[in-house]
Amino acid sequence: MSFWRPRLGLLDASVLSFAVLPTDLDFNRHMTNARYLSLMDLGRLDLILRSGMWRLVLRQSLQPVIGGALVRFRHALRPFQPFRLTTRVLAWDARWLFIEHRVETLDGKPACTAVVRAAFVASTGMLPTADLLTRLGYGGAAPDVPAWIAPWLQADLACQPASPPLENPL
């Protein structure tokens, strides 16, 4: 992850290489679930740095945030095993960028796949995606939003509490 690596376009993929460290292991002696998500943070940071989004974040005091994630664990990564993390903007809608993460062994075997929905928050609230793209100077076509995204967003809305939680339930 570096400012000195080649620049990426908004739809280009960031690829980072890692190896499973002893501190990444759970009691089953494979990479713990939480470590995948921490490394995905680094993938998004690399994408922000190398695509130039960091300038916008700093100049306009924006905060990149995650609103949700779908994660699928497929194959265990063992101690000291090398692997790659590929991160790319998959699509977007009016509110969210959908960012795909793929963790794969060096021979291409999938270990974990995830899609997060991300946004940039300004002091006035969440920045609409159209405003973000305008500020980034992106003039290309929008990728098609995969059909499975809508049910994910609907399921998330269904999980919202109907009323605020009690201050002190006891």
C-alpha atoms as a PDB file:
ATOM      1  CA  MET A   1       0.000   0.000   0.000  1.00  0.00           C
ATOM      2  CA  SER A   2       1.667   3.194  -1.079  1.00  0.00           C
ATOM      3  CA  PHE A   3       1.475   6.589  -2.699  1.00  0.00           C
ATOM      4  CA  TRP A   4       4.396   5.402  -4.843  1.00  0.00           C
ATOM      5  CA  ARG A   5       2.622   2.496  -6.502  1.00  0.00           C
ATOM      6  CA  PRO A   6       0.914   3.095  -9.853  1.00  0.00           C
ATOM      7  CA  ARG A   7      -2.178   5.280  -9.766  1.00  0.00           C
ATOM      8  CA  LEU A   8      -5.578   3.595 -10.054  1.00  0.00           C
ATOM      9  CA  GLY A   9      -8.744   4.729 -11.761  1.00  0.00           C
ATOM     10  CA  LEU A  10     -12.007   4.583  -9.846  1.00  0.00           C
ATOM     11  CA  LEU A  11     -12.891   1.196 -11.337  1.00  0.00           C
ATOM     12  CA  ASP A  12      -9.384  -0.316 -11.246  1.00  0.00           C
ATOM     13  CA  ALA A  13      -8.493  -3.046  -8.764  1.00  0.00           C
ATOM     14  CA  SER A  14      -6.039  -2.697  -5.906  1.00  0.00           C
ATOM     15  CA  VAL A  15      -4.046  -5.879  -5.309  1.00  0.00           C
ATOM     16  CA  LEU A  16      -2.110  -6.310  -2.063  1.00  0.00           C
ATOM     17  CA  SER A  17      -0.049  -9.317  -0.992  1.00  0.00           C
ATOM     18  CA  PHE A  18       0.127 -10.675   2.551  1.00  0.00           C
ATOM     19  CA  ALA A  19       1.013 -13.804   4.492  1.00  0.00           C
ATOM     20  CA  VAL A  20      -0.822 -15.220   7.502  1.00  0.00           C
ATOM     21  CA  LEU A  21       1.072 -14.270  10.668  1.00  0.00           C
ATOM     22  CA  PRO A  22       0.844 -16.070  14.008  1.00  0.00           C
ATOM     23  CA  THR A  23      -1.058 -13.075  15.405  1.00  0.00           C
ATOM     24  CA  ASP A  24      -3.708 -13.587  12.680  1.00  0.00           C
ATOM     25  CA  LEU A  25      -4.677 -17.065  13.930  1.00  0.00           C
ATOM     26  CA  ASP A  26      -7.667 -18.229  15.931  1.00  0.00           C
ATOM     27  CA  PHE A  27      -7.861 -21.358  18.097  1.00  0.00           C
ATOM     28  CA  ASN A  28      -8.377 -23.503  14.968  1.00  0.00           C
ATOM     29  CA  ARG A  29      -4.941 -22.363  13.727  1.00  0.00           C
ATOM     30  CA  HIS A  30      -6.271 -20.580  10.680  1.00  0.00           C
ATOM     31  CA  MET A  31      -6.754 -16.896   9.956  1.00  0.00           C
ATOM     32  CA  THR A  32      -9.425 -15.494  12.226  1.00  0.00           C
ATOM     33  CA  ASN A  33     -12.569 -13.985  10.712  1.00  0.00           C
ATOM     34  CA  ALA A  34     -11.886 -10.504  12.085  1.00  0.00           C
ATOM     35  CA  ARG A  35      -8.466 -10.348  10.429  1.00  0.00           C
ATOM     36  CA  TYR A  36     -10.029 -10.630   6.971  1.00  0.00           C
ATOM     37  CA  LEU A  37     -12.111  -7.530   7.658  1.00  0.00           C
ATOM     38  CA  SER A  38      -9.092  -5.631   9.017  1.00  0.00           C
ATOM     39  CA  LEU A  39      -7.132  -6.404   5.874  1.00  0.00           C
ATOM     40  CA  MET A  40     -10.077  -5.287   3.763  1.00  0.00           C
ATOM     41  CA  ASP A  41      -9.776  -1.897   5.495  1.00  0.00           C
ATOM     42  CA  LEU A  42      -6.220  -1.764   4.118  1.00  0.00           C
ATOM     43  CA  GLY A  43      -7.487  -2.657   0.650  1.00  0.00           C
ATOM     44  CA  ARG A  44      -9.951   0.234   0.746  1.00  0.00           C
ATOM     45  CA  LEU A  45      -7.245   2.564   2.043  1.00  0.00           C
ATOM     46  CA  ASP A  46      -4.958   1.543  -0.823  1.00  0.00           C
ATOM     47  CA  LEU A  47      -7.788   2.227  -3.270  1.00  0.00           C
ATOM     48  CA  ILE A  48      -8.417   5.659  -1.700  1.00  0.00           C
ATOM     49  CA  LEU A  49      -4.707   6.550  -1.785  1.00  0.00           C
ATOM     50  CA  ARG A  50      -3.910   5.282  -5.264  1.00  0.00           C
ATOM     51  CA  SER A  51      -7.079   6.574  -6.947  1.00  0.00           C
ATOM     52  CA  GLY A  52      -6.529  10.092  -5.606  1.00  0.00           C
ATOM     53  CA  MET A  53      -9.668  10.052  -3.440  1.00  0.00           C
ATOM     54  CA  TRP A  54      -7.467  10.932  -0.455  1.00  0.00           C
ATOM     55  CA  ARG A  55      -7.157  14.519  -1.756  1.00  0.00           C
ATOM     56  CA  LEU A  56     -10.928  14.907  -1.660  1.00  0.00           C
ATOM     57  CA  VAL A  57     -11.101  13.315   1.804  1.00  0.00           C
ATOM     58  CA  LEU A  58      -8.528  15.760   3.189  1.00  0.00           C
ATOM     59  CA  ARG A  59      -9.639  18.932   1.377  1.00  0.00           C
ATOM     60  CA  GLN A  60     -13.308  18.508   2.169  1.00  0.00           C
ATOM     61  CA  SER A  61     -12.972  16.827   5.572  1.00  0.00           C
ATOM     62  CA  LEU A  62     -14.798  13.718   4.439  1.00  0.00           C
ATOM     63  CA  GLN A  63     -14.898  10.494   6.403  1.00  0.00           C
ATOM     64  CA  PRO A  64     -15.049   7.213   4.496  1.00  0.00           C
ATOM     65  CA  VAL A  65     -17.465   4.914   6.334  1.00  0.00           C
ATOM     66  CA  ILE A  66     -18.859   1.409   5.934  1.00  0.00           C
ATOM     67  CA  GLY A  67     -22.605   0.903   6.244  1.00  0.00           C
ATOM     68  CA  GLY A  68     -22.698  -2.864   5.977  1.00  0.00           C
ATOM     69  CA  ALA A  69     -20.924  -5.940   4.712  1.00  0.00           C
ATOM     70  CA  LEU A  70     -21.725  -9.320   3.234  1.00  0.00           C
ATOM     71  CA  VAL A  71     -18.922 -11.783   3.869  1.00  0.00           C
ATOM     72  CA  ARG A  72     -18.462 -15.360   2.731  1.00  0.00           C
ATOM     73  CA  PHE A  73     -15.662 -17.504   4.122  1.00  0.00           C
ATOM     74  CA  ARG A  74     -14.747 -20.247   1.685  1.00  0.00           C
ATOM     75  CA  HIS A  75     -11.311 -21.727   2.403  1.00  0.00           C
ATOM     76  CA  ALA A  76      -9.078 -21.542   5.478  1.00  0.00           C
ATOM     77  CA  LEU A  77      -5.747 -19.765   5.320  1.00  0.00           C
ATOM     78  CA  ARG A  78      -3.027 -21.481   7.370  1.00  0.00           C
ATOM     79  CA  PRO A  79      -0.011 -20.062   9.240  1.00  0.00           C
ATOM     80  CA  PHE A  80       2.506 -18.278   6.991  1.00  0.00           C
ATOM     81  CA  GLN A  81       0.426 -18.968   3.884  1.00  0.00           C
ATOM     82  CA  PRO A  82       0.795 -16.169   1.322  1.00  0.00           C
ATOM     83  CA  PHE A  83      -2.359 -14.687  -0.200  1.00  0.00           C
ATOM     84  CA  ARG A  84      -3.663 -11.748  -2.226  1.00  0.00           C
ATOM     85  CA  LEU A  85      -6.379  -9.233  -1.461  1.00  0.00           C
ATOM     86  CA  THR A  86      -8.064  -7.659  -4.483  1.00  0.00           C
ATOM     87  CA  THR A  87     -10.284  -4.635  -3.834  1.00  0.00           C
ATOM     88  CA  ARG A  88     -12.394  -2.820  -6.411  1.00  0.00           C
ATOM     89  CA  VAL A  89     -15.457  -0.625  -6.725  1.00  0.00           C
ATOM     90  CA  LEU A  90     -18.115  -3.018  -7.954  1.00  0.00           C
ATOM     91  CA  ALA A  91     -20.971  -0.548  -8.538  1.00  0.00           C
ATOM     92  CA  TRP A  92     -22.886   2.292  -6.900  1.00  0.00           C
ATOM     93  CA  ASP A  93     -26.341   3.653  -6.378  1.00  0.00           C
ATOM     94  CA  ALA A  94     -27.552   7.072  -5.217  1.00  0.00           C
ATOM     95  CA  ARG A  95     -26.250   6.517  -1.660  1.00  0.00           C
ATOM     96  CA  TRP A  96     -23.608   3.798  -1.623  1.00  0.00           C
ATOM     97  CA  LEU A  97     -20.457   2.612  -3.300  1.00  0.00           C
ATOM     98  CA  PHE A  98     -20.385  -1.187  -3.342  1.00  0.00           C
ATOM     99  CA  ILE A  99     -16.809  -2.374  -2.920  1.00  0.00           C
ATOM    100  CA  GLU A 100     -15.793  -5.958  -3.586  1.00  0.00           C
ATOM    101  CA  HIS A 101     -12.966  -7.691  -1.728  1.00  0.00           C
ATOM    102  CA  ARG A 102     -11.515 -11.035  -2.783  1.00  0.00           C
ATOM    103  CA  VAL A 103      -8.969 -12.898  -0.676  1.00  0.00           C
ATOM    104  CA  GLU A 104      -7.320 -15.660  -2.688  1.00  0.00           C
ATOM    105  CA  THR A 105      -4.412 -18.009  -2.315  1.00  0.00           C
ATOM    106  CA  LEU A 106      -1.563 -17.501  -4.766  1.00  0.00           C
ATOM    107  CA  ASP A 107      -2.973 -20.312  -6.943  1.00  0.00           C
ATOM    108  CA  GLY A 108      -6.330 -18.484  -7.171  1.00  0.00           C
ATOM    109  CA  LYS A 109      -8.317 -20.497  -4.619  1.00  0.00           C
ATOM    110  CA  PRO A 110     -10.902 -18.199  -2.961  1.00  0.00           C
ATOM    111  CA  ALA A 111     -10.531 -17.906   0.810  1.00  0.00           C
ATOM    112  CA  CYS A 112     -12.985 -15.093   1.479  1.00  0.00           C
ATOM    113  CA  THR A 113     -15.177 -12.802  -0.579  1.00  0.00           C
ATOM    114  CA  ALA A 114     -16.954  -9.727   0.694  1.00  0.00           C
ATOM    115  CA  VAL A 115     -18.888  -6.754  -0.551  1.00  0.00           C
ATOM    116  CA  VAL A 116     -19.183  -3.676   1.618  1.00  0.00           C
ATOM    117  CA  ARG A 117     -21.364  -0.674   1.071  1.00  0.00           C
ATOM    118  CA  ALA A 118     -19.407   2.472   1.669  1.00  0.00           C
ATOM    119  CA  ALA A 119     -20.030   6.190   1.647  1.00  0.00           C
ATOM    120  CA  PHE A 120     -18.283   9.434   2.387  1.00  0.00           C
ATOM    121  CA  VAL A 121     -19.684  11.572   5.184  1.00  0.00           C
ATOM    122  CA  ALA A 122     -19.308  15.342   5.309  1.00  0.00           C
ATOM    123  CA  SER A 123     -20.202  17.638   8.200  1.00  0.00           C
ATOM    124  CA  THR A 124     -23.644  17.997   6.598  1.00  0.00           C
ATOM    125  CA  GLY A 125     -24.239  14.242   6.361  1.00  0.00           C
ATOM    126  CA  MET A 126     -23.729  11.487   3.849  1.00  0.00           C
ATOM    127  CA  LEU A 127     -22.466  12.710   0.484  1.00  0.00           C
ATOM    128  CA  PRO A 128     -24.701  11.535  -2.381  1.00  0.00           C
ATOM    129  CA  THR A 129     -22.792   9.325  -4.786  1.00  0.00           C
ATOM    130  CA  ALA A 130     -23.430  11.692  -7.720  1.00  0.00           C
ATOM    131  CA  ASP A 131     -21.767  14.524  -5.752  1.00  0.00           C
ATOM    132  CA  LEU A 132     -18.820  12.279  -4.888  1.00  0.00           C
ATOM    133  CA  LEU A 133     -18.326  11.285  -8.532  1.00  0.00           C
ATOM    134  CA  THR A 134     -18.552  14.928  -9.657  1.00  0.00           C
ATOM    135  CA  ARG A 135     -15.991  15.997  -7.058  1.00  0.00           C
ATOM    136  CA  LEU A 136     -13.703  13.177  -8.172  1.00  0.00           C
ATOM    137  CA  GLY A 137     -14.064  14.262 -11.797  1.00  0.00           C
ATOM    138  CA  TYR A 138     -15.370  10.844 -12.822  1.00  0.00           C
ATOM    139  CA  GLY A 139     -17.167  11.027 -16.150  1.00  0.00           C
ATOM    140  CA  GLY A 140     -17.328   7.372 -17.090  1.00  0.00           C
ATOM    141  CA  ALA A 141     -20.279   5.050 -17.223  1.00  0.00           C
ATOM    142  CA  ALA A 142     -21.687   3.600 -14.036  1.00  0.00           C
ATOM    143  CA  PRO A 143     -21.281  -0.163 -13.679  1.00  0.00           C
ATOM    144  CA  ASP A 144     -24.516  -2.115 -13.435  1.00  0.00           C
ATOM    145  CA  VAL A 145     -25.585  -2.765  -9.853  1.00  0.00           C
ATOM    146  CA  PRO A 146     -25.839  -6.556  -9.381  1.00  0.00           C
ATOM    147  CA  ALA A 147     -29.421  -7.765  -8.943  1.00  0.00           C
ATOM    148  CA  TRP A 148     -28.689  -9.246  -5.485  1.00  0.00           C
ATOM    149  CA  ILE A 149     -27.862  -5.799  -4.028  1.00  0.00           C
ATOM    150  CA  ALA A 150     -31.533  -4.697  -3.771  1.00  0.00           C
ATOM    151  CA  PRO A 151     -32.600  -7.635  -1.550  1.00  0.00           C
ATOM    152  CA  TRP A 152     -29.538  -7.006   0.656  1.00  0.00           C
ATOM    153  CA  LEU A 153     -30.546  -3.366   1.168  1.00  0.00           C
ATOM    154  CA  GLN A 154     -34.174  -4.377   1.794  1.00  0.00           C
ATOM    155  CA  ALA A 155     -33.093  -6.974   4.365  1.00  0.00           C
ATOM    156  CA  ASP A 156     -30.992  -4.351   6.100  1.00  0.00           C
ATOM    157  CA  LEU A 157     -33.976  -2.004   6.336  1.00  0.00           C
ATOM    158  CA  ALA A 158     -36.094  -4.838   7.762  1.00  0.00           C
ATOM    159  CA  CYS A 159     -33.530  -5.266  10.556  1.00  0.00           C
ATOM    160  CA  GLN A 160     -33.915  -1.655  11.719  1.00  0.00           C
ATOM    161  CA  PRO A 161     -35.553  -1.373  15.143  1.00  0.00           C
ATOM    162  CA  ALA A 162     -39.096   0.040  14.989  1.00  0.00           C
ATOM    163  CA  SER A 163     -38.445   2.291  17.966  1.00  0.00           C
ATOM    164  CA  PRO A 164     -35.348   3.549  19.734  1.00  0.00           C
ATOM    165  CA  PRO A 165     -33.851   1.097  22.257  1.00  0.00           C
ATOM    166  CA  LEU A 166     -34.598   1.651  25.908  1.00  0.00           C
ATOM    167  CA  GLU A 167     -32.116   3.852  27.746  1.00  0.00           C
ATOM    168  CA  ASN A 168     -31.958   1.518  30.749  1.00  0.00           C
ATOM    169  CA  PRO A 169     -33.965  -1.683  30.305  1.00  0.00           C
ATOM    170  CA  LEU A 170     -33.518  -2.756  33.942  1.00  0.00           C
END
